Amino acid sequence: MISFILGTANSGKSELAEKLAMESGDAGRYYVATMKIYDEAGRERVSRHRQQREGKGFLTIEKLYDIREVIEQIEKPDEATVLLECVTNLVGNEMFENPAGKEKIKSADEIAEDIKYVAGRVHNMIIVSNEYESDADTYDDATRNYIRLLDLVNERINSFSDRVMDMRKGSAD
């Protein structure tokens, strides 16, 4: 089962994702953390998420990019639930942190295929991502390119997910 949770910041995506992971019944629960910490606000966010997961039996794998490699760190993947938190950071890391990306940034297809690769090898995968307003007038070129790439990756994940939960504010879904 592939579950995709899409929403805005602070819409409850993480809580829902963890709830779904706990309800999966899988003994092996892996939390794939993609956030690179740059400042105190980032440290606080990570600390809050760790406290939220405390006692829930998650094994954390920190992976900033090249997400398909996490499968090597998962014992009995066919009996595991993987929570990927989150695509938003993963896409930014692929663009700006991946040393290979300095020469060629991965396409939306490549990033989505990496995620799909992991999802196809585990029992359950829960994928979390954000959506941003793509107001071209307020962002610089790099940010607009990032938002475009994130939107494309989200579209591809949506297409191969078994269920999609839309947590965007004002959404009827």
N, C-alpha and C. Protein backbone atom coordinates (compact mmCIF):
# COMPACT_ATOMS: atom_id res chain seq x y z
N MET A 1 0.84 -1.17 0.00
CA MET A 1 0.00 0.00 0.00
C MET A 1 0.89 1.24 0.00
N ILE A 2 0.64 2.13 -0.91
CA ILE A 2 1.35 3.41 -0.99
C ILE A 2 0.35 4.51 -0.66
N SER A 3 0.63 5.25 0.43
CA SER A 3 -0.22 6.35 0.85
C SER A 3 0.55 7.65 0.66
N PHE A 4 -0.11 8.62 0.06
CA PHE A 4 0.51 9.92 -0.21
C PHE A 4 -0.29 10.99 0.52
N ILE A 5 0.40 11.73 1.39
CA ILE A 5 -0.23 12.79 2.17
C ILE A 5 0.35 14.12 1.68
N LEU A 6 -0.52 14.96 1.16
CA LEU A 6 -0.12 16.25 0.60
C LEU A 6 -0.81 17.35 1.38
N GLY A 7 -0.07 18.39 1.76
CA GLY A 7 -0.70 19.48 2.49
C GLY A 7 0.19 20.69 2.60
N THR A 8 -0.33 21.67 3.28
CA THR A 8 0.42 22.87 3.55
C THR A 8 1.16 22.70 4.88
N ALA A 9 2.01 23.65 5.19
CA ALA A 9 2.74 23.60 6.47
C ALA A 9 1.74 23.58 7.62
N ASN A 10 2.03 22.80 8.64
CA ASN A 10 1.23 22.72 9.86
C ASN A 10 -0.22 22.30 9.61
N SER A 11 -0.43 21.42 8.64
CA SER A 11 -1.79 20.96 8.34
C SER A 11 -2.11 19.61 8.97
N GLY A 12 -1.15 19.03 9.72
CA GLY A 12 -1.38 17.76 10.38
C GLY A 12 -0.89 16.55 9.59
N LYS A 13 -0.09 16.79 8.57
CA LYS A 13 0.43 15.71 7.73
C LYS A 13 1.24 14.69 8.53
N SER A 14 2.15 15.18 9.35
CA SER A 14 3.04 14.29 10.09
C SER A 14 2.27 13.41 11.06
N GLU A 15 1.33 14.00 11.76
CA GLU A 15 0.54 13.23 12.72
C GLU A 15 -0.25 12.14 12.01
N LEU A 16 -0.87 12.49 10.88
CA LEU A 16 -1.62 11.50 10.12
C LEU A 16 -0.70 10.40 9.61
N ALA A 17 0.46 10.77 9.11
CA ALA A 17 1.41 9.78 8.58
C ALA A 17 1.83 8.80 9.66
N GLU A 18 2.14 9.30 10.84
CA GLU A 18 2.54 8.43 11.94
C GLU A 18 1.39 7.52 12.38
N LYS A 19 0.19 8.06 12.40
CA LYS A 19 -0.99 7.27 12.76
C LYS A 19 -1.16 6.11 11.76
N LEU A 20 -1.04 6.40 10.48
CA LEU A 20 -1.16 5.35 9.46
C LEU A 20 -0.07 4.30 9.62
N ALA A 21 1.15 4.75 9.93
CA ALA A 21 2.25 3.81 10.13
C ALA A 21 1.97 2.89 11.31
N MET A 22 1.44 3.46 12.38
CA MET A 22 1.14 2.66 13.58
C MET A 22 0.01 1.67 13.30
N GLU A 23 -0.93 2.05 12.46
CA GLU A 23 -2.08 1.19 12.14
C GLU A 23 -1.74 0.11 11.12
N SER A 24 -0.55 0.17 10.53
CA SER A 24 -0.18 -0.77 9.48
C SER A 24 -0.06 -2.20 10.00
N GLY A 25 0.27 -2.33 11.28
CA GLY A 25 0.47 -3.65 11.85
C GLY A 25 1.86 -4.21 11.61
N ASP A 26 2.68 -3.51 10.86
CA ASP A 26 4.04 -3.98 10.58
C ASP A 26 4.93 -3.73 11.79
N ALA A 27 5.70 -4.74 12.16
CA ALA A 27 6.62 -4.60 13.29
C ALA A 27 7.78 -3.67 12.93
N GLY A 28 8.24 -3.74 11.69
CA GLY A 28 9.32 -2.88 11.24
C GLY A 28 8.77 -1.56 10.74
N ARG A 29 9.04 -0.48 11.49
CA ARG A 29 8.59 0.85 11.09
C ARG A 29 9.82 1.74 10.94
N TYR A 30 9.98 2.29 9.76
CA TYR A 30 11.15 3.12 9.45
C TYR A 30 10.70 4.53 9.12
N TYR A 31 11.38 5.48 9.70
CA TYR A 31 11.12 6.89 9.44
C TYR A 31 12.32 7.40 8.64
N VAL A 32 12.09 7.74 7.39
CA VAL A 32 13.16 8.25 6.53
C VAL A 32 13.10 9.78 6.60
N ALA A 33 14.09 10.35 7.28
CA ALA A 33 14.16 11.79 7.51
C ALA A 33 15.02 12.44 6.44
N THR A 34 14.47 13.43 5.76
CA THR A 34 15.19 14.06 4.65
C THR A 34 15.61 15.50 4.94
N MET A 35 15.32 15.99 6.13
CA MET A 35 15.59 17.40 6.43
C MET A 35 17.03 17.65 6.82
N LYS A 36 17.65 18.59 6.14
CA LYS A 36 18.98 19.06 6.54
C LYS A 36 18.77 20.23 7.48
N ILE A 37 19.44 20.17 8.61
CA ILE A 37 19.28 21.22 9.62
C ILE A 37 20.26 22.35 9.34
N TYR A 38 19.69 23.55 9.19
CA TYR A 38 20.51 24.74 8.90
C TYR A 38 20.58 25.71 10.07
N ASP A 39 19.56 25.68 10.94
CA ASP A 39 19.50 26.70 11.99
C ASP A 39 18.74 26.18 13.21
N GLU A 40 18.56 27.05 14.17
CA GLU A 40 17.88 26.66 15.42
C GLU A 40 16.42 26.26 15.16
N ALA A 41 15.75 26.94 14.26
CA ALA A 41 14.35 26.60 13.93
C ALA A 41 14.28 25.17 13.38
N GLY A 42 15.25 24.81 12.56
CA GLY A 42 15.30 23.44 12.03
C GLY A 42 15.56 22.42 13.12
N ARG A 43 16.47 22.75 14.04
CA ARG A 43 16.75 21.85 15.17
C ARG A 43 15.50 21.66 16.02
N GLU A 44 14.76 22.73 16.25
CA GLU A 44 13.53 22.64 17.04
C GLU A 44 12.49 21.78 16.34
N ARG A 45 12.36 21.92 15.04
CA ARG A 45 11.38 21.13 14.27
C ARG A 45 11.73 19.64 14.35
N VAL A 46 13.01 19.32 14.16
CA VAL A 46 13.45 17.93 14.23
C VAL A 46 13.21 17.38 15.64
N SER A 47 13.54 18.16 16.64
CA SER A 47 13.33 17.73 18.02
C SER A 47 11.85 17.46 18.29
N ARG A 48 10.98 18.33 17.81
CA ARG A 48 9.54 18.15 17.99
C ARG A 48 9.06 16.87 17.32
N HIS A 49 9.55 16.61 16.11
CA HIS A 49 9.16 15.39 15.39
C HIS A 49 9.69 14.14 16.11
N ARG A 50 10.91 14.21 16.64
CA ARG A 50 11.45 13.05 17.37
C ARG A 50 10.63 12.76 18.62
N GLN A 51 10.25 13.81 19.33
CA GLN A 51 9.42 13.62 20.53
C GLN A 51 8.07 13.02 20.16
N GLN A 52 7.52 13.47 19.05
CA GLN A 52 6.23 12.98 18.58
C GLN A 52 6.30 11.49 18.26
N ARG A 53 7.46 11.01 17.76
CA ARG A 53 7.62 9.60 17.39
C ARG A 53 8.09 8.73 18.55
N GLU A 54 8.52 9.36 19.63
CA GLU A 54 9.10 8.62 20.75
C GLU A 54 8.17 7.51 21.24
N GLY A 55 8.75 6.34 21.43
CA GLY A 55 8.01 5.20 21.95
C GLY A 55 7.13 4.49 20.93
N LYS A 56 7.20 4.90 19.68
CA LYS A 56 6.35 4.31 18.64
C LYS A 56 7.07 3.23 17.83
N GLY A 57 8.33 2.98 18.16
CA GLY A 57 9.05 1.90 17.51
C GLY A 57 9.61 2.21 16.14
N PHE A 58 9.76 3.49 15.80
CA PHE A 58 10.35 3.85 14.51
C PHE A 58 11.87 3.76 14.58
N LEU A 59 12.47 3.22 13.55
CA LEU A 59 13.91 3.30 13.35
C LEU A 59 14.12 4.43 12.34
N THR A 60 14.96 5.38 12.69
CA THR A 60 15.17 6.54 11.82
C THR A 60 16.35 6.32 10.89
N ILE A 61 16.12 6.62 9.63
CA ILE A 61 17.17 6.62 8.62
C ILE A 61 17.25 8.04 8.08
N GLU A 62 18.38 8.69 8.25
CA GLU A 62 18.55 10.03 7.71
C GLU A 62 19.13 9.92 6.31
N LYS A 63 18.39 10.44 5.34
CA LYS A 63 18.82 10.35 3.94
C LYS A 63 18.39 11.62 3.23
N LEU A 64 19.35 12.43 2.85
CA LEU A 64 19.04 13.73 2.25
C LEU A 64 18.69 13.64 0.77
N TYR A 65 19.27 12.67 0.07
CA TYR A 65 19.05 12.52 -1.37
C TYR A 65 19.38 11.08 -1.75
N ASP A 66 19.20 10.75 -3.04
CA ASP A 66 19.41 9.37 -3.51
C ASP A 66 18.61 8.39 -2.64
N ILE A 67 17.33 8.63 -2.53
CA ILE A 67 16.45 7.94 -1.59
C ILE A 67 16.36 6.44 -1.83
N ARG A 68 16.59 5.99 -3.05
CA ARG A 68 16.48 4.55 -3.31
C ARG A 68 17.48 3.75 -2.49
N GLU A 69 18.54 4.37 -2.03
CA GLU A 69 19.56 3.68 -1.24
C GLU A 69 19.07 3.26 0.15
N VAL A 70 17.96 3.82 0.63
CA VAL A 70 17.49 3.45 1.97
C VAL A 70 17.08 1.98 2.05
N ILE A 71 16.71 1.40 0.93
CA ILE A 71 16.25 0.01 0.94
C ILE A 71 17.33 -0.92 1.51
N GLU A 72 18.59 -0.55 1.33
CA GLU A 72 19.71 -1.35 1.84
C GLU A 72 19.76 -1.35 3.38
N GLN A 73 19.11 -0.39 4.02
CA GLN A 73 19.14 -0.27 5.47
C GLN A 73 17.89 -0.82 6.15
N ILE A 74 17.00 -1.41 5.38
CA ILE A 74 15.73 -1.89 5.92
C ILE A 74 15.76 -3.41 6.01
N GLU A 75 15.62 -3.90 7.24
CA GLU A 75 15.54 -5.35 7.44
C GLU A 75 14.15 -5.82 7.02
N LYS A 76 14.09 -6.92 6.32
CA LYS A 76 12.82 -7.51 5.90
C LYS A 76 11.89 -6.46 5.29
N PRO A 77 12.29 -5.86 4.18
CA PRO A 77 11.48 -4.79 3.58
C PRO A 77 10.04 -5.20 3.29
N ASP A 78 9.84 -6.45 2.91
CA ASP A 78 8.48 -6.89 2.58
C ASP A 78 7.58 -6.99 3.81
N GLU A 79 8.14 -6.77 5.01
CA GLU A 79 7.37 -6.77 6.25
C GLU A 79 7.44 -5.40 6.95
N ALA A 80 7.86 -4.38 6.22
CA ALA A 80 8.12 -3.07 6.84
C ALA A 80 7.20 -1.98 6.31
N THR A 81 6.97 -1.00 7.17
CA THR A 81 6.32 0.25 6.78
C THR A 81 7.37 1.33 6.80
N VAL A 82 7.44 2.09 5.71
CA VAL A 82 8.39 3.20 5.60
C VAL A 82 7.61 4.50 5.49
N LEU A 83 7.95 5.45 6.36
CA LEU A 83 7.36 6.77 6.33
C LEU A 83 8.44 7.73 5.81
N LEU A 84 8.21 8.31 4.65
CA LEU A 84 9.15 9.25 4.03
C LEU A 84 8.70 10.67 4.36
N GLU A 85 9.50 11.36 5.16
CA GLU A 85 9.18 12.72 5.63
C GLU A 85 10.34 13.62 5.29
N CYS A 86 10.36 14.42 4.33
CA CYS A 86 9.29 14.56 3.38
C CYS A 86 9.87 14.86 2.00
N VAL A 87 9.03 14.74 1.01
CA VAL A 87 9.42 14.95 -0.38
C VAL A 87 9.89 16.39 -0.59
N THR A 88 9.29 17.31 0.13
CA THR A 88 9.64 18.72 0.01
C THR A 88 11.14 18.94 0.25
N ASN A 89 11.64 18.35 1.34
CA ASN A 89 13.07 18.47 1.63
C ASN A 89 13.90 17.67 0.64
N LEU A 90 13.42 16.48 0.29
CA LEU A 90 14.14 15.63 -0.65
C LEU A 90 14.40 16.35 -1.97
N VAL A 91 13.39 16.99 -2.51
CA VAL A 91 13.54 17.70 -3.78
C VAL A 91 14.56 18.83 -3.64
N GLY A 92 14.46 19.60 -2.56
CA GLY A 92 15.44 20.67 -2.34
C GLY A 92 16.84 20.13 -2.20
N ASN A 93 16.98 19.02 -1.50
CA ASN A 93 18.31 18.41 -1.34
C ASN A 93 18.85 17.89 -2.66
N GLU A 94 17.98 17.30 -3.47
CA GLU A 94 18.43 16.82 -4.79
C GLU A 94 18.92 17.99 -5.64
N MET A 95 18.28 19.14 -5.50
CA MET A 95 18.67 20.32 -6.30
C MET A 95 19.93 21.00 -5.77
N PHE A 96 20.04 21.10 -4.45
CA PHE A 96 21.06 21.97 -3.89
C PHE A 96 22.13 21.28 -3.04
N GLU A 97 21.90 20.04 -2.59
CA GLU A 97 22.84 19.38 -1.69
C GLU A 97 23.53 18.17 -2.31
N ASN A 98 22.89 17.51 -3.25
CA ASN A 98 23.45 16.30 -3.84
C ASN A 98 24.66 16.69 -4.69
N PRO A 99 25.85 16.18 -4.34
CA PRO A 99 27.04 16.54 -5.12
C PRO A 99 26.88 16.21 -6.61
N ALA A 100 26.18 15.13 -6.91
CA ALA A 100 25.96 14.78 -8.32
C ALA A 100 25.06 15.81 -9.00
N GLY A 101 24.20 16.47 -8.21
CA GLY A 101 23.29 17.46 -8.75
C GLY A 101 23.97 18.74 -9.20
N LYS A 102 25.20 18.93 -8.79
CA LYS A 102 25.93 20.12 -9.22
C LYS A 102 26.14 20.09 -10.74
N GLU A 103 26.23 18.88 -11.28
CA GLU A 103 26.41 18.74 -12.72
C GLU A 103 25.08 18.56 -13.44
N LYS A 104 24.17 17.81 -12.82
CA LYS A 104 22.86 17.57 -13.42
C LYS A 104 21.85 17.27 -12.33
N ILE A 105 20.88 18.16 -12.18
CA ILE A 105 19.82 17.95 -11.19
C ILE A 105 18.91 16.84 -11.69
N LYS A 106 18.52 15.95 -10.79
CA LYS A 106 17.60 14.88 -11.15
C LYS A 106 16.28 15.48 -11.64
N SER A 107 15.67 14.80 -12.58
CA SER A 107 14.36 15.22 -13.08
C SER A 107 13.28 14.76 -12.12
N ALA A 108 12.07 15.28 -12.31
CA ALA A 108 10.92 14.84 -11.52
C ALA A 108 10.72 13.34 -11.69
N ASP A 109 10.88 12.85 -12.91
CA ASP A 109 10.73 11.41 -13.16
C ASP A 109 11.74 10.60 -12.36
N GLU A 110 12.99 11.05 -12.32
CA GLU A 110 14.03 10.32 -11.60
C GLU A 110 13.77 10.31 -10.10
N ILE A 111 13.39 11.44 -9.54
CA ILE A 111 13.12 11.51 -8.10
C ILE A 111 11.93 10.63 -7.76
N ALA A 112 10.86 10.74 -8.54
CA ALA A 112 9.66 9.93 -8.29
C ALA A 112 9.97 8.44 -8.46
N GLU A 113 10.76 8.09 -9.45
CA GLU A 113 11.13 6.68 -9.66
C GLU A 113 11.93 6.13 -8.49
N ASP A 114 12.80 6.95 -7.90
CA ASP A 114 13.54 6.52 -6.71
C ASP A 114 12.58 6.20 -5.56
N ILE A 115 11.58 7.06 -5.37
CA ILE A 115 10.59 6.84 -4.32
C ILE A 115 9.77 5.59 -4.64
N LYS A 116 9.36 5.47 -5.88
CA LYS A 116 8.56 4.31 -6.30
C LYS A 116 9.35 3.02 -6.14
N TYR A 117 10.64 3.07 -6.38
CA TYR A 117 11.52 1.91 -6.21
C TYR A 117 11.44 1.40 -4.77
N VAL A 118 11.58 2.32 -3.80
CA VAL A 118 11.49 1.93 -2.39
C VAL A 118 10.09 1.41 -2.09
N ALA A 119 9.08 2.14 -2.54
CA ALA A 119 7.69 1.75 -2.27
C ALA A 119 7.37 0.36 -2.81
N GLY A 120 7.98 0.00 -3.91
CA GLY A 120 7.72 -1.31 -4.51
C GLY A 120 8.40 -2.46 -3.80
N ARG A 121 9.26 -2.16 -2.84
CA ARG A 121 10.00 -3.20 -2.13
C ARG A 121 9.62 -3.34 -0.67
N VAL A 122 8.77 -2.45 -0.19
CA VAL A 122 8.33 -2.52 1.20
C VAL A 122 6.84 -2.85 1.26
N HIS A 123 6.39 -3.29 2.42
CA HIS A 123 4.99 -3.66 2.59
C HIS A 123 4.07 -2.45 2.48
N ASN A 124 4.42 -1.38 3.19
CA ASN A 124 3.65 -0.14 3.16
C ASN A 124 4.60 1.04 3.07
N MET A 125 4.19 2.04 2.31
CA MET A 125 4.98 3.27 2.26
C MET A 125 4.03 4.44 2.41
N ILE A 126 4.41 5.35 3.30
CA ILE A 126 3.65 6.56 3.54
C ILE A 126 4.56 7.72 3.16
N ILE A 127 4.09 8.52 2.22
CA ILE A 127 4.90 9.60 1.64
C ILE A 127 4.25 10.93 2.00
N VAL A 128 5.03 11.84 2.57
CA VAL A 128 4.53 13.15 2.98
C VAL A 128 5.18 14.22 2.10
N SER A 129 4.36 15.18 1.67
CA SER A 129 4.89 16.29 0.89
C SER A 129 4.07 17.55 1.11
N ASN A 130 4.69 18.67 0.85
CA ASN A 130 4.03 19.97 0.95
C ASN A 130 3.64 20.46 -0.43
N GLU A 131 2.76 21.44 -0.41
CA GLU A 131 2.45 22.17 -1.63
C GLU A 131 2.62 23.65 -1.31
N TYR A 132 3.23 24.36 -2.23
CA TYR A 132 3.45 25.79 -2.07
C TYR A 132 2.72 26.54 -3.17
N GLU A 133 2.34 27.76 -2.82
CA GLU A 133 1.78 28.64 -3.84
C GLU A 133 2.90 29.00 -4.81
N SER A 134 2.63 28.88 -6.07
CA SER A 134 3.68 29.15 -7.07
C SER A 134 3.48 30.52 -7.70
N ASP A 135 3.40 31.55 -6.86
CA ASP A 135 3.25 32.93 -7.32
C ASP A 135 4.59 33.40 -7.89
N ALA A 136 4.67 33.41 -9.20
CA ALA A 136 5.92 33.71 -9.89
C ALA A 136 6.46 35.10 -9.59
N ASP A 137 5.60 36.02 -9.16
CA ASP A 137 6.05 37.39 -8.93
C ASP A 137 6.84 37.57 -7.64
N THR A 138 6.69 36.67 -6.69
CA THR A 138 7.31 36.89 -5.39
C THR A 138 8.57 36.06 -5.15
N TYR A 139 8.88 35.11 -6.03
CA TYR A 139 10.04 34.24 -5.82
C TYR A 139 11.12 34.50 -6.85
N ASP A 140 12.36 34.21 -6.44
CA ASP A 140 13.46 34.29 -7.39
C ASP A 140 13.43 33.06 -8.30
N ASP A 141 14.29 33.04 -9.31
CA ASP A 141 14.29 31.95 -10.29
C ASP A 141 14.54 30.59 -9.66
N ALA A 142 15.49 30.51 -8.73
CA ALA A 142 15.82 29.22 -8.12
C ALA A 142 14.62 28.68 -7.34
N THR A 143 13.92 29.54 -6.64
CA THR A 143 12.75 29.10 -5.87
C THR A 143 11.62 28.68 -6.80
N ARG A 144 11.39 29.43 -7.87
CA ARG A 144 10.36 29.03 -8.83
C ARG A 144 10.69 27.68 -9.46
N ASN A 145 11.95 27.45 -9.77
CA ASN A 145 12.36 26.16 -10.34
C ASN A 145 12.15 25.03 -9.34
N TYR A 146 12.48 25.30 -8.08
CA TYR A 146 12.26 24.31 -7.03
C TYR A 146 10.77 23.97 -6.91
N ILE A 147 9.92 24.97 -6.86
CA ILE A 147 8.48 24.74 -6.73
C ILE A 147 7.94 23.97 -7.93
N ARG A 148 8.41 24.30 -9.13
CA ARG A 148 7.99 23.56 -10.33
C ARG A 148 8.39 22.10 -10.24
N LEU A 149 9.64 21.85 -9.82
CA LEU A 149 10.11 20.47 -9.70
C LEU A 149 9.31 19.73 -8.63
N LEU A 150 9.08 20.35 -7.49
CA LEU A 150 8.29 19.73 -6.43
C LEU A 150 6.88 19.40 -6.92
N ASP A 151 6.25 20.32 -7.62
CA ASP A 151 4.90 20.07 -8.16
C ASP A 151 4.90 18.86 -9.09
N LEU A 152 5.91 18.78 -9.95
CA LEU A 152 5.99 17.64 -10.88
C LEU A 152 6.21 16.32 -10.14
N VAL A 153 7.08 16.33 -9.14
CA VAL A 153 7.32 15.12 -8.35
C VAL A 153 6.03 14.71 -7.64
N ASN A 154 5.34 15.68 -7.04
CA ASN A 154 4.07 15.39 -6.36
C ASN A 154 3.06 14.78 -7.33
N GLU A 155 2.97 15.31 -8.54
CA GLU A 155 2.04 14.75 -9.54
C GLU A 155 2.37 13.30 -9.84
N ARG A 156 3.64 12.99 -9.98
CA ARG A 156 4.05 11.63 -10.29
C ARG A 156 3.76 10.68 -9.12
N ILE A 157 4.04 11.13 -7.91
CA ILE A 157 3.74 10.30 -6.74
C ILE A 157 2.23 10.06 -6.65
N ASN A 158 1.47 11.09 -6.88
CA ASN A 158 0.01 10.96 -6.87
C ASN A 158 -0.45 9.88 -7.85
N SER A 159 0.21 9.80 -8.99
CA SER A 159 -0.22 8.86 -10.04
C SER A 159 0.04 7.40 -9.67
N PHE A 160 1.03 7.12 -8.82
CA PHE A 160 1.29 5.71 -8.48
C PHE A 160 0.88 5.34 -7.06
N SER A 161 0.26 6.28 -6.34
CA SER A 161 -0.18 6.01 -4.97
C SER A 161 -1.52 5.28 -4.96
N ASP A 162 -1.68 4.40 -3.97
CA ASP A 162 -2.95 3.69 -3.80
C ASP A 162 -4.01 4.58 -3.17
N ARG A 163 -3.57 5.48 -2.29
CA ARG A 163 -4.50 6.43 -1.69
C ARG A 163 -3.78 7.75 -1.50
N VAL A 164 -4.55 8.83 -1.68
CA VAL A 164 -4.02 10.18 -1.55
C VAL A 164 -4.88 10.92 -0.54
N MET A 165 -4.23 11.51 0.45
CA MET A 165 -4.92 12.30 1.45
C MET A 165 -4.49 13.75 1.30
N ASP A 166 -5.45 14.61 1.01
CA ASP A 166 -5.19 16.01 0.75
C ASP A 166 -5.48 16.80 2.01
N MET A 167 -4.43 17.32 2.62
CA MET A 167 -4.55 18.05 3.88
C MET A 167 -4.42 19.56 3.67
N ARG A 168 -4.51 19.99 2.42
CA ARG A 168 -4.37 21.42 2.15
C ARG A 168 -5.54 22.17 2.77
N LYS A 169 -5.25 23.31 3.32
CA LYS A 169 -6.29 24.12 3.96
C LYS A 169 -7.34 24.49 2.93
N GLY A 170 -8.59 24.32 3.32
CA GLY A 170 -9.69 24.66 2.43
C GLY A 170 -10.02 23.58 1.41
N SER A 171 -9.30 22.47 1.47
CA SER A 171 -9.56 21.38 0.53
C SER A 171 -10.74 20.56 1.01
N ALA A 172 -11.54 20.12 0.07
CA ALA A 172 -12.70 19.31 0.42
C ALA A 172 -12.34 17.85 0.58
N ASP A 173 -11.16 17.46 0.16
CA ASP A 173 -10.76 16.04 0.18
C ASP A 173 -10.36 15.58 1.55
